[in-house]
Amino acid sequence: IREISQHLSVDILTADTFKTALSELEGLPCTVNLLGNSFTNLDA
């Protein structure tokens, strides 16, 4: 992620099933987009 972020902007989209995304991605050059507790229409 650190390496690719030198070339591309990085966005992470997640419903965060394990509730760990924010802590696991903390300090990395990416934007974490939490898609909420509802699993409805995640693909859309």
PDB file of all heavy atoms in Angstrom:
ATOM      1  N   ILE A   1       0.847  -1.194   0.000  1.00  0.00           N
ATOM      2  CA  ILE A   1       0.000   0.000   0.000  1.00  0.00           C
ATOM      3  C   ILE A   1       0.884   1.247   0.000  1.00  0.00           C
ATOM      4  O   ILE A   1       0.639   2.188  -0.751  1.00  0.00           O
ATOM      5  CB  ILE A   1      -0.973   0.001   1.198  1.00  0.00           C
ATOM      6  CG1 ILE A   1      -2.028  -1.088   1.011  1.00  0.00           C
ATOM      7  CG2 ILE A   1      -1.630   1.376   1.361  1.00  0.00           C
ATOM      8  CD1 ILE A   1      -2.925  -1.314   2.218  1.00  0.00           C
ATOM      9  N   ARG A   2       1.930   1.231   0.815  1.00  0.00           N
ATOM     10  CA  ARG A   2       2.857   2.372   0.831  1.00  0.00           C
ATOM     11  C   ARG A   2       3.489   2.574  -0.547  1.00  0.00           C
ATOM     12  O   ARG A   2       3.613   3.695  -1.031  1.00  0.00           O
ATOM     13  CB  ARG A   2       3.949   2.157   1.877  1.00  0.00           C
ATOM     14  CG  ARG A   2       3.498   2.369   3.292  1.00  0.00           C
ATOM     15  CD  ARG A   2       4.657   2.250   4.293  1.00  0.00           C
ATOM     16  NE  ARG A   2       4.152   2.271   5.643  1.00  0.00           N
ATOM     17  CZ  ARG A   2       3.875   1.173   6.362  1.00  0.00           C
ATOM     18  NH1 ARG A   2       4.095  -0.025   5.867  1.00  0.00           N
ATOM     19  NH2 ARG A   2       3.403   1.298   7.589  1.00  0.00           N
ATOM     20  N   GLU A   3       3.883   1.484  -1.164  1.00  0.00           N
ATOM     21  CA  GLU A   3       4.555   1.566  -2.468  1.00  0.00           C
ATOM     22  C   GLU A   3       3.607   2.039  -3.572  1.00  0.00           C
ATOM     23  O   GLU A   3       3.936   2.941  -4.338  1.00  0.00           O
ATOM     24  CB  GLU A   3       5.149   0.198  -2.819  1.00  0.00           C
ATOM     25  CG  GLU A   3       6.102   0.229  -3.978  1.00  0.00           C
ATOM     26  CD  GLU A   3       6.815  -1.104  -4.199  1.00  0.00           C
ATOM     27  OE1 GLU A   3       6.686  -2.024  -3.366  1.00  0.00           O
ATOM     28  OE2 GLU A   3       7.504  -1.210  -5.228  1.00  0.00           O
ATOM     29  N   ILE A   4       2.419   1.465  -3.631  1.00  0.00           N
ATOM     30  CA  ILE A   4       1.489   1.813  -4.714  1.00  0.00           C
ATOM     31  C   ILE A   4       0.958   3.237  -4.539  1.00  0.00           C
ATOM     32  O   ILE A   4       0.627   3.912  -5.521  1.00  0.00           O
ATOM     33  CB  ILE A   4       0.334   0.792  -4.824  1.00  0.00           C
ATOM     34  CG1 ILE A   4      -0.292   0.823  -6.229  1.00  0.00           C
ATOM     35  CG2 ILE A   4      -0.749   1.020  -3.786  1.00  0.00           C
ATOM     36  CD1 ILE A   4       0.528   0.212  -7.299  1.00  0.00           C
ATOM     37  N   SER A   5       0.912   3.729  -3.296  1.00  0.00           N
ATOM     38  CA  SER A   5       0.394   5.076  -3.053  1.00  0.00           C
ATOM     39  C   SER A   5       1.308   6.156  -3.626  1.00  0.00           C
ATOM     40  O   SER A   5       0.898   7.311  -3.732  1.00  0.00           O
ATOM     41  CB  SER A   5       0.184   5.318  -1.555  1.00  0.00           C
ATOM     42  OG  SER A   5       1.428   5.446  -0.899  1.00  0.00           O
ATOM     43  N   GLN A   6       2.516   5.784  -4.029  1.00  0.00           N
ATOM     44  CA  GLN A   6       3.396   6.735  -4.697  1.00  0.00           C
ATOM     45  C   GLN A   6       2.943   6.977  -6.140  1.00  0.00           C
ATOM     46  O   GLN A   6       3.392   7.927  -6.784  1.00  0.00           O
ATOM     47  CB  GLN A   6       4.834   6.217  -4.668  1.00  0.00           C
ATOM     48  CG  GLN A   6       5.395   6.121  -3.270  1.00  0.00           C
ATOM     49  CD  GLN A   6       6.769   5.467  -3.247  1.00  0.00           C
ATOM     50  OE1 GLN A   6       7.538   5.600  -4.195  1.00  0.00           O
ATOM     51  NE2 GLN A   6       7.065   4.777  -2.166  1.00  0.00           N
ATOM     52  N   HIS A   7       2.056   6.110  -6.639  1.00  0.00           N
ATOM     53  CA  HIS A   7       1.587   6.192  -8.022  1.00  0.00           C
ATOM     54  C   HIS A   7       0.079   6.429  -8.130  1.00  0.00           C
ATOM     55  O   HIS A   7      -0.378   7.022  -9.107  1.00  0.00           O
ATOM     56  CB  HIS A   7       1.927   4.896  -8.767  1.00  0.00           C
ATOM     57  CG  HIS A   7       3.358   4.508  -8.674  1.00  0.00           C
ATOM     58  ND1 HIS A   7       4.342   5.097  -9.426  1.00  0.00           N
ATOM     59  CD2 HIS A   7       3.988   3.610  -7.868  1.00  0.00           C
ATOM     60  CE1 HIS A   7       5.513   4.566  -9.117  1.00  0.00           C
ATOM     61  NE2 HIS A   7       5.322   3.664  -8.174  1.00  0.00           N
ATOM     62  N   LEU A   8      -0.685   5.918  -7.170  1.00  0.00           N
ATOM     63  CA  LEU A   8      -2.147   5.971  -7.218  1.00  0.00           C
ATOM     64  C   LEU A   8      -2.703   6.441  -5.882  1.00  0.00           C
ATOM     65  O   LEU A   8      -2.123   6.162  -4.833  1.00  0.00           O
ATOM     66  CB  LEU A   8      -2.724   4.571  -7.499  1.00  0.00           C
ATOM     67  CG  LEU A   8      -2.240   3.815  -8.728  1.00  0.00           C
ATOM     68  CD1 LEU A   8      -2.814   2.409  -8.742  1.00  0.00           C
ATOM     69  CD2 LEU A   8      -2.618   4.566 -10.001  1.00  0.00           C
ATOM     70  N   SER A   9      -3.853   7.105  -5.927  1.00  0.00           N
ATOM     71  CA  SER A   9      -4.557   7.355  -4.668  1.00  0.00           C
ATOM     72  C   SER A   9      -5.225   6.039  -4.273  1.00  0.00           C
ATOM     73  O   SER A   9      -5.681   5.284  -5.131  1.00  0.00           O
ATOM     74  CB  SER A   9      -5.588   8.468  -4.822  1.00  0.00           C
ATOM     75  OG  SER A   9      -6.637   8.060  -5.656  1.00  0.00           O
ATOM     76  N   VAL A  10      -5.260   5.747  -2.998  1.00  0.00           N
ATOM     77  CA  VAL A  10      -5.753   4.457  -2.511  1.00  0.00           C
ATOM     78  C   VAL A  10      -6.962   4.678  -1.612  1.00  0.00           C
ATOM     79  O   VAL A  10      -6.883   5.387  -0.604  1.00  0.00           O
ATOM     80  CB  VAL A  10      -4.652   3.694  -1.737  1.00  0.00           C
ATOM     81  CG1 VAL A  10      -5.183   2.352  -1.228  1.00  0.00           C
ATOM     82  CG2 VAL A  10      -3.413   3.493  -2.610  1.00  0.00           C
ATOM     83  N   ASP A  11      -8.079   4.066  -1.994  1.00  0.00           N
ATOM     84  CA  ASP A  11      -9.311   4.095  -1.201  1.00  0.00           C
ATOM     85  C   ASP A  11      -9.688   2.669  -0.833  1.00  0.00           C
ATOM     86  O   ASP A  11      -9.714   1.788  -1.698  1.00  0.00           O
ATOM     87  CB  ASP A  11     -10.467   4.706  -1.997  1.00  0.00           C
ATOM     88  CG  ASP A  11     -10.402   6.210  -2.030  1.00  0.00           C
ATOM     89  OD1 ASP A  11     -10.782   6.825  -1.020  1.00  0.00           O
ATOM     90  OD2 ASP A  11      -9.969   6.764  -3.061  1.00  0.00           O
ATOM     91  N   ILE A  12      -9.993   2.470   0.428  1.00  0.00           N
ATOM     92  CA  ILE A  12     -10.440   1.175   0.916  1.00  0.00           C
ATOM     93  C   ILE A  12     -11.924   1.306   1.246  1.00  0.00           C
ATOM     94  O   ILE A  12     -12.320   2.195   2.010  1.00  0.00           O
ATOM     95  CB  ILE A  12      -9.663   0.739   2.180  1.00  0.00           C
ATOM     96  CG1 ILE A  12      -8.147   0.897   1.992  1.00  0.00           C
ATOM     97  CG2 ILE A  12     -10.059  -0.680   2.585  1.00  0.00           C
ATOM     98  CD1 ILE A  12      -7.533   0.137   0.853  1.00  0.00           C
ATOM     99  N   LEU A  13     -12.742   0.422   0.670  1.00  0.00           N
ATOM    100  CA  LEU A  13     -14.181   0.408   0.921  1.00  0.00           C
ATOM    101  C   LEU A  13     -14.500  -0.846   1.731  1.00  0.00           C
ATOM    102  O   LEU A  13     -14.146  -1.947   1.312  1.00  0.00           O
ATOM    103  CB  LEU A  13     -14.966   0.360  -0.394  1.00  0.00           C
ATOM    104  CG  LEU A  13     -14.656   1.416  -1.446  1.00  0.00           C
ATOM    105  CD1 LEU A  13     -15.560   1.221  -2.658  1.00  0.00           C
ATOM    106  CD2 LEU A  13     -14.822   2.806  -0.880  1.00  0.00           C
ATOM    107  N   THR A  14     -15.156  -0.680   2.862  1.00  0.00           N
ATOM    108  CA  THR A  14     -15.395  -1.854   3.696  1.00  0.00           C
ATOM    109  C   THR A  14     -16.625  -1.713   4.583  1.00  0.00           C
ATOM    110  O   THR A  14     -16.927  -0.618   5.063  1.00  0.00           O
ATOM    111  CB  THR A  14     -14.163  -2.169   4.574  1.00  0.00           C
ATOM    112  OG1 THR A  14     -14.403  -3.354   5.318  1.00  0.00           O
ATOM    113  CG2 THR A  14     -13.817  -1.022   5.507  1.00  0.00           C
ATOM    114  N   ALA A  15     -17.303  -2.827   4.787  1.00  0.00           N
ATOM    115  CA  ALA A  15     -18.347  -2.909   5.803  1.00  0.00           C
ATOM    116  C   ALA A  15     -17.703  -3.289   7.134  1.00  0.00           C
ATOM    117  O   ALA A  15     -18.363  -3.285   8.163  1.00  0.00           O
ATOM    118  CB  ALA A  15     -19.399  -3.934   5.417  1.00  0.00           C
ATOM    119  N   ASP A  16     -16.417  -3.605   7.094  1.00  0.00           N
ATOM    120  CA  ASP A  16     -15.600  -3.869   8.285  1.00  0.00           C
ATOM    121  C   ASP A  16     -16.177  -4.982   9.156  1.00  0.00           C
ATOM    122  O   ASP A  16     -16.437  -4.803  10.347  1.00  0.00           O
ATOM    123  CB  ASP A  16     -15.410  -2.574   9.086  1.00  0.00           C
ATOM    124  CG  ASP A  16     -14.177  -2.617   9.972  1.00  0.00           C
ATOM    125  OD1 ASP A  16     -13.350  -3.541   9.822  1.00  0.00           O
ATOM    126  OD2 ASP A  16     -14.045  -1.718  10.815  1.00  0.00           O
ATOM    127  N   THR A  17     -16.318  -6.137   8.557  1.00  0.00           N
ATOM    128  CA  THR A  17     -16.893  -7.306   9.222  1.00  0.00           C
ATOM    129  C   THR A  17     -16.262  -7.585  10.580  1.00  0.00           C
ATOM    130  O   THR A  17     -16.954  -7.892  11.549  1.00  0.00           O
ATOM    131  CB  THR A  17     -16.737  -8.543   8.313  1.00  0.00           C
ATOM    132  OG1 THR A  17     -17.351  -8.266   7.052  1.00  0.00           O
ATOM    133  CG2 THR A  17     -17.350  -9.784   8.933  1.00  0.00           C
ATOM    134  N   PHE A  18     -14.944  -7.467  10.676  1.00  0.00           N
ATOM    135  CA  PHE A  18     -14.229  -7.781  11.913  1.00  0.00           C
ATOM    136  C   PHE A  18     -13.987  -6.552  12.802  1.00  0.00           C
ATOM    137  O   PHE A  18     -13.372  -6.659  13.856  1.00  0.00           O
ATOM    138  CB  PHE A  18     -12.887  -8.461  11.602  1.00  0.00           C
ATOM    139  CG  PHE A  18     -13.051  -9.821  10.985  1.00  0.00           C
ATOM    140  CD1 PHE A  18     -13.076  -9.975   9.601  1.00  0.00           C
ATOM    141  CD2 PHE A  18     -13.179 -10.945  11.784  1.00  0.00           C
ATOM    142  CE1 PHE A  18     -13.227 -11.227   9.029  1.00  0.00           C
ATOM    143  CE2 PHE A  18     -13.324 -12.205  11.215  1.00  0.00           C
ATOM    144  CZ  PHE A  18     -13.354 -12.346   9.838  1.00  0.00           C
ATOM    145  N   LYS A  19     -14.424  -5.380  12.327  1.00  0.00           N
ATOM    146  CA  LYS A  19     -14.251  -4.113  13.075  1.00  0.00           C
ATOM    147  C   LYS A  19     -12.774  -3.810  13.368  1.00  0.00           C
ATOM    148  O   LYS A  19     -12.420  -3.305  14.424  1.00  0.00           O
ATOM    149  CB  LYS A  19     -15.047  -4.142  14.393  1.00  0.00           C
ATOM    150  CG  LYS A  19     -16.507  -4.456  14.226  1.00  0.00           C
ATOM    151  CD  LYS A  19     -17.208  -3.414  13.387  1.00  0.00           C
ATOM    152  CE  LYS A  19     -18.695  -3.708  13.279  1.00  0.00           C
ATOM    153  NZ  LYS A  19     -19.211  -3.601  11.933  1.00  0.00           N
ATOM    154  N   THR A  20     -11.917  -4.104  12.389  1.00  0.00           N
ATOM    155  CA  THR A  20     -10.480  -3.886  12.560  1.00  0.00           C
ATOM    156  C   THR A  20      -9.872  -2.970  11.498  1.00  0.00           C
ATOM    157  O   THR A  20      -8.694  -2.636  11.591  1.00  0.00           O
ATOM    158  CB  THR A  20      -9.730  -5.233  12.494  1.00  0.00           C
ATOM    159  OG1 THR A  20      -9.994  -5.842  11.218  1.00  0.00           O
ATOM    160  CG2 THR A  20     -10.140  -6.171  13.621  1.00  0.00           C
ATOM    161  N   ALA A  21     -10.643  -2.585  10.492  1.00  0.00           N
ATOM    162  CA  ALA A  21     -10.082  -1.863   9.349  1.00  0.00           C
ATOM    163  C   ALA A  21      -9.369  -0.583   9.768  1.00  0.00           C
ATOM    164  O   ALA A  21      -8.251  -0.325   9.320  1.00  0.00           O
ATOM    165  CB  ALA A  21     -11.163  -1.554   8.313  1.00  0.00           C
ATOM    166  N   LEU A  22      -9.988   0.216  10.596  1.00  0.00           N
ATOM    167  CA  LEU A  22      -9.373   1.496  10.982  1.00  0.00           C
ATOM    168  C   LEU A  22      -8.051   1.280  11.713  1.00  0.00           C
ATOM    169  O   LEU A  22      -7.061   1.948  11.416  1.00  0.00           O
ATOM    170  CB  LEU A  22     -10.325   2.326  11.832  1.00  0.00           C
ATOM    171  CG  LEU A  22     -11.537   2.899  11.094  1.00  0.00           C
ATOM    172  CD1 LEU A  22     -12.483   3.600  12.072  1.00  0.00           C
ATOM    173  CD2 LEU A  22     -11.111   3.843   9.988  1.00  0.00           C
ATOM    174  N   SER A  23      -8.019   0.355  12.642  1.00  0.00           N
ATOM    175  CA  SER A  23      -6.773   0.131  13.383  1.00  0.00           C
ATOM    176  C   SER A  23      -5.715  -0.543  12.510  1.00  0.00           C
ATOM    177  O   SER A  23      -4.532  -0.201  12.593  1.00  0.00           O
ATOM    178  CB  SER A  23      -7.027  -0.691  14.650  1.00  0.00           C
ATOM    179  OG  SER A  23      -7.559  -1.959  14.330  1.00  0.00           O
ATOM    180  N   GLU A  24      -6.105  -1.468  11.650  1.00  0.00           N
ATOM    181  CA  GLU A  24      -5.147  -2.168  10.796  1.00  0.00           C
ATOM    182  C   GLU A  24      -4.553  -1.251   9.722  1.00  0.00           C
ATOM    183  O   GLU A  24      -3.405  -1.428   9.320  1.00  0.00           O
ATOM    184  CB  GLU A  24      -5.794  -3.392  10.136  1.00  0.00           C
ATOM    185  CG  GLU A  24      -6.081  -4.525  11.086  1.00  0.00           C
ATOM    186  CD  GLU A  24      -4.829  -5.164  11.655  1.00  0.00           C
ATOM    187  OE1 GLU A  24      -3.938  -5.545  10.871  1.00  0.00           O
ATOM    188  OE2 GLU A  24      -4.725  -5.263  12.896  1.00  0.00           O
ATOM    189  N   LEU A  25      -5.323  -0.274   9.263  1.00  0.00           N
ATOM    190  CA  LEU A  25      -4.871   0.619   8.194  1.00  0.00           C
ATOM    191  C   LEU A  25      -4.333   1.957   8.724  1.00  0.00           C
ATOM    192  O   LEU A  25      -3.883   2.792   7.941  1.00  0.00           O
ATOM    193  CB  LEU A  25      -6.012   0.868   7.206  1.00  0.00           C
ATOM    194  CG  LEU A  25      -6.456  -0.375   6.428  1.00  0.00           C
ATOM    195  CD1 LEU A  25      -7.812  -0.161   5.780  1.00  0.00           C
ATOM    196  CD2 LEU A  25      -5.409  -0.769   5.400  1.00  0.00           C
ATOM    197  N   GLU A  26      -4.358   2.126  10.030  1.00  0.00           N
ATOM    198  CA  GLU A  26      -3.901   3.374  10.638  1.00  0.00           C
ATOM    199  C   GLU A  26      -2.452   3.687  10.237  1.00  0.00           C
ATOM    200  O   GLU A  26      -1.581   2.831  10.263  1.00  0.00           O
ATOM    201  CB  GLU A  26      -3.988   3.283  12.159  1.00  0.00           C
ATOM    202  CG  GLU A  26      -3.668   4.584  12.849  1.00  0.00           C
ATOM    203  CD  GLU A  26      -3.839   4.495  14.358  1.00  0.00           C
ATOM    204  OE1 GLU A  26      -4.099   3.400  14.889  1.00  0.00           O
ATOM    205  OE2 GLU A  26      -3.697   5.540  15.007  1.00  0.00           O
ATOM    206  N   GLY A  27      -2.231   4.931   9.822  1.00  0.00           N
ATOM    207  CA  GLY A  27      -0.899   5.380   9.440  1.00  0.00           C
ATOM    208  C   GLY A  27      -0.500   5.067   8.016  1.00  0.00           C
ATOM    209  O   GLY A  27       0.556   5.498   7.560  1.00  0.00           O
ATOM    210  N   LEU A  28      -1.326   4.336   7.302  1.00  0.00           N
ATOM    211  CA  LEU A  28      -1.021   4.019   5.898  1.00  0.00           C
ATOM    212  C   LEU A  28      -1.585   5.105   4.987  1.00  0.00           C
ATOM    213  O   LEU A  28      -2.607   5.724   5.300  1.00  0.00           O
ATOM    214  CB  LEU A  28      -1.592   2.652   5.519  1.00  0.00           C
ATOM    215  CG  LEU A  28      -0.922   1.462   6.194  1.00  0.00           C
ATOM    216  CD1 LEU A  28      -1.644   0.162   5.837  1.00  0.00           C
ATOM    217  CD2 LEU A  28       0.541   1.370   5.791  1.00  0.00           C
ATOM    218  N   PRO A  29      -0.947   5.326   3.834  1.00  0.00           N
ATOM    219  CA  PRO A  29      -1.395   6.375   2.907  1.00  0.00           C
ATOM    220  C   PRO A  29      -2.616   5.933   2.094  1.00  0.00           C
ATOM    221  O   PRO A  29      -2.531   5.644   0.900  1.00  0.00           O
ATOM    222  CB  PRO A  29      -0.169   6.598   2.025  1.00  0.00           C
ATOM    223  CG  PRO A  29       0.534   5.281   2.036  1.00  0.00           C
ATOM    224  CD  PRO A  29       0.291   4.692   3.386  1.00  0.00           C
ATOM    225  N   CYS A  30      -3.746   5.835   2.780  1.00  0.00           N
ATOM    226  CA  CYS A  30      -4.986   5.449   2.124  1.00  0.00           C
ATOM    227  C   CYS A  30      -6.146   6.096   2.864  1.00  0.00           C
ATOM    228  O   CYS A  30      -6.000   6.538   4.000  1.00  0.00           O
ATOM    229  CB  CYS A  30      -5.144   3.924   2.101  1.00  0.00           C
ATOM    230  SG  CYS A  30      -5.279   3.157   3.726  1.00  0.00           S
ATOM    231  N   THR A  31      -7.284   6.144   2.199  1.00  0.00           N
ATOM    232  CA  THR A  31      -8.507   6.629   2.809  1.00  0.00           C
ATOM    233  C   THR A  31      -9.406   5.443   3.063  1.00  0.00           C
ATOM    234  O   THR A  31      -9.664   4.651   2.148  1.00  0.00           O
ATOM    235  CB  THR A  31      -9.219   7.633   1.880  1.00  0.00           C
ATOM    236  OG1 THR A  31      -8.316   8.708   1.595  1.00  0.00           O
ATOM    237  CG2 THR A  31     -10.484   8.178   2.511  1.00  0.00           C
ATOM    238  N   VAL A  32      -9.860   5.290   4.294  1.00  0.00           N
ATOM    239  CA  VAL A  32     -10.749   4.190   4.655  1.00  0.00           C
ATOM    240  C   VAL A  32     -12.180   4.703   4.625  1.00  0.00           C
ATOM    241  O   VAL A  32     -12.504   5.697   5.281  1.00  0.00           O
ATOM    242  CB  VAL A  32     -10.412   3.625   6.050  1.00  0.00           C
ATOM    243  CG1 VAL A  32     -11.336   2.456   6.390  1.00  0.00           C
ATOM    244  CG2 VAL A  32      -8.949   3.192   6.117  1.00  0.00           C
ATOM    245  N   ASN A  33     -13.004   4.029   3.852  1.00  0.00           N
ATOM    246  CA  ASN A  33     -14.408   4.402   3.705  1.00  0.00           C
ATOM    247  C   ASN A  33     -15.258   3.296   4.328  1.00  0.00           C
ATOM    248  O   ASN A  33     -15.412   2.223   3.733  1.00  0.00           O
ATOM    249  CB  ASN A  33     -14.765   4.563   2.228  1.00  0.00           C
ATOM    250  CG  ASN A  33     -13.926   5.623   1.562  1.00  0.00           C
ATOM    251  OD1 ASN A  33     -14.258   6.789   1.600  1.00  0.00           O
ATOM    252  ND2 ASN A  33     -12.808   5.219   0.960  1.00  0.00           N
ATOM    253  N   LEU A  34     -15.769   3.544   5.530  1.00  0.00           N
ATOM    254  CA  LEU A  34     -16.630   2.571   6.198  1.00  0.00           C
ATOM    255  C   LEU A  34     -18.025   2.687   5.613  1.00  0.00           C
ATOM    256  O   LEU A  34     -18.599   3.780   5.565  1.00  0.00           O
ATOM    257  CB  LEU A  34     -16.657   2.823   7.704  1.00  0.00           C
ATOM    258  CG  LEU A  34     -15.309   2.694   8.425  1.00  0.00           C
ATOM    259  CD1 LEU A  34     -15.451   3.067   9.896  1.00  0.00           C
ATOM    260  CD2 LEU A  34     -14.736   1.285   8.279  1.00  0.00           C
ATOM    261  N   LEU A  35     -18.558   1.564   5.178  1.00  0.00           N
ATOM    262  CA  LEU A  35     -19.842   1.582   4.488  1.00  0.00           C
ATOM    263  C   LEU A  35     -21.019   1.298   5.408  1.00  0.00           C
ATOM    264  O   LEU A  35     -22.106   0.987   4.940  1.00  0.00           O
ATOM    265  CB  LEU A  35     -19.811   0.601   3.320  1.00  0.00           C
ATOM    266  CG  LEU A  35     -18.764   0.930   2.262  1.00  0.00           C
ATOM    267  CD1 LEU A  35     -18.755  -0.123   1.161  1.00  0.00           C
ATOM    268  CD2 LEU A  35     -18.977   2.310   1.672  1.00  0.00           C
ATOM    269  N   GLY A  36     -20.809   1.378   6.706  1.00  0.00           N
ATOM    270  CA  GLY A  36     -21.904   1.263   7.655  1.00  0.00           C
ATOM    271  C   GLY A  36     -22.220  -0.155   8.064  1.00  0.00           C
ATOM    272  O   GLY A  36     -21.655  -1.118   7.561  1.00  0.00           O
ATOM    273  N   ASN A  37     -23.151  -0.257   8.973  1.00  0.00           N
ATOM    274  CA  ASN A  37     -23.520  -1.548   9.543  1.00  0.00           C
ATOM    275  C   ASN A  37     -24.440  -2.350   8.643  1.00  0.00           C
ATOM    276  O   ASN A  37     -24.555  -3.551   8.785  1.00  0.00           O
ATOM    277  CB  ASN A  37     -24.194  -1.342  10.906  1.00  0.00           C
ATOM    278  CG  ASN A  37     -23.237  -0.737  11.915  1.00  0.00           C
ATOM    279  OD1 ASN A  37     -22.042  -0.966  11.843  1.00  0.00           O
ATOM    280  ND2 ASN A  37     -23.771   0.034  12.846  1.00  0.00           N
ATOM    281  N   SER A  38     -25.111  -1.692   7.736  1.00  0.00           N
ATOM    282  CA  SER A  38     -26.038  -2.390   6.852  1.00  0.00           C
ATOM    283  C   SER A  38     -25.281  -3.030   5.697  1.00  0.00           C
ATOM    284  O   SER A  38     -24.489  -2.385   5.013  1.00  0.00           O
ATOM    285  CB  SER A  38     -27.065  -1.408   6.288  1.00  0.00           C
ATOM    286  OG  SER A  38     -27.812  -2.035   5.272  1.00  0.00           O
ATOM    287  N   PHE A  39     -25.511  -4.306   5.512  1.00  0.00           N
ATOM    288  CA  PHE A  39     -24.854  -5.005   4.412  1.00  0.00           C
ATOM    289  C   PHE A  39     -25.704  -4.934   3.133  1.00  0.00           C
ATOM    290  O   PHE A  39     -25.367  -5.521   2.127  1.00  0.00           O
ATOM    291  CB  PHE A  39     -24.566  -6.464   4.791  1.00  0.00           C
ATOM    292  CG  PHE A  39     -23.532  -6.572   5.870  1.00  0.00           C
ATOM    293  CD1 PHE A  39     -23.907  -6.821   7.174  1.00  0.00           C
ATOM    294  CD2 PHE A  39     -22.195  -6.389   5.586  1.00  0.00           C
ATOM    295  CE1 PHE A  39     -22.946  -6.910   8.178  1.00  0.00           C
ATOM    296  CE2 PHE A  39     -21.229  -6.462   6.579  1.00  0.00           C
ATOM    297  CZ  PHE A  39     -21.611  -6.722   7.880  1.00  0.00           C
ATOM    298  N   THR A  40     -26.796  -4.182   3.189  1.00  0.00           N
ATOM    299  CA  THR A  40     -27.685  -4.041   2.048  1.00  0.00           C
ATOM    300  C   THR A  40     -27.043  -3.189   0.962  1.00  0.00           C
ATOM    301  O   THR A  40     -26.506  -2.121   1.237  1.00  0.00           O
ATOM    302  CB  THR A  40     -29.018  -3.387   2.481  1.00  0.00           C
ATOM    303  OG1 THR A  40     -29.545  -4.135   3.562  1.00  0.00           O
ATOM    304  CG2 THR A  40     -30.007  -3.357   1.337  1.00  0.00           C
ATOM    305  N   ASN A  41     -27.088  -3.677  -0.251  1.00  0.00           N
ATOM    306  CA  ASN A  41     -26.623  -2.940  -1.433  1.00  0.00           C
ATOM    307  C   ASN A  41     -25.152  -2.529  -1.367  1.00  0.00           C
ATOM    308  O   ASN A  41     -24.772  -1.510  -1.934  1.00  0.00           O
ATOM    309  CB  ASN A  41     -27.486  -1.698  -1.683  1.00  0.00           C
ATOM    310  CG  ASN A  41     -28.911  -2.058  -2.020  1.00  0.00           C
ATOM    311  OD1 ASN A  41     -29.163  -3.050  -2.696  1.00  0.00           O
ATOM    312  ND2 ASN A  41     -29.835  -1.266  -1.550  1.00  0.00           N
ATOM    313  N   LEU A  42     -24.325  -3.302  -0.692  1.00  0.00           N
ATOM    314  CA  LEU A  42     -22.896  -2.975  -0.661  1.00  0.00           C
ATOM    315  C   LEU A  42     -22.314  -2.927  -2.060  1.00  0.00           C
ATOM    316  O   LEU A  42     -21.513  -2.049  -2.374  1.00  0.00           O
ATOM    317  CB  LEU A  42     -22.116  -3.994   0.178  1.00  0.00           C
ATOM    318  CG  LEU A  42     -22.116  -3.806   1.673  1.00  0.00           C
ATOM    319  CD1 LEU A  42     -21.344  -4.935   2.333  1.00  0.00           C
ATOM    320  CD2 LEU A  42     -21.535  -2.471   2.062  1.00  0.00           C
ATOM    321  N   ASP A  43     -22.711  -3.889  -2.890  1.00  0.00           N
ATOM    322  CA  ASP A  43     -22.160  -3.923  -4.251  1.00  0.00           C
ATOM    323  C   ASP A  43     -22.530  -2.669  -5.027  1.00  0.00           C
ATOM    324  O   ASP A  43     -21.699  -2.097  -5.734  1.00  0.00           O
ATOM    325  CB  ASP A  43     -22.556  -5.192  -4.997  1.00  0.00           C
ATOM    326  CG  ASP A  43     -24.059  -5.407  -5.088  1.00  0.00           C
ATOM    327  OD1 ASP A  43     -24.820  -4.798  -4.322  1.00  0.00           O
ATOM    328  OD2 ASP A  43     -24.478  -6.234  -5.927  1.00  0.00           O
ATOM    329  N   ALA A  44     -23.739  -2.173  -4.875  1.00  0.00           N
ATOM    330  CA  ALA A  44     -24.165  -0.951  -5.577  1.00  0.00           C
ATOM    331  C   ALA A  44     -23.439   0.275  -5.019  1.00  0.00           C
ATOM    332  O   ALA A  44     -23.062   1.176  -5.773  1.00  0.00           O
ATOM    333  CB  ALA A  44     -25.674  -0.771  -5.447  1.00  0.00           C
TER     334      ALA A  44
END
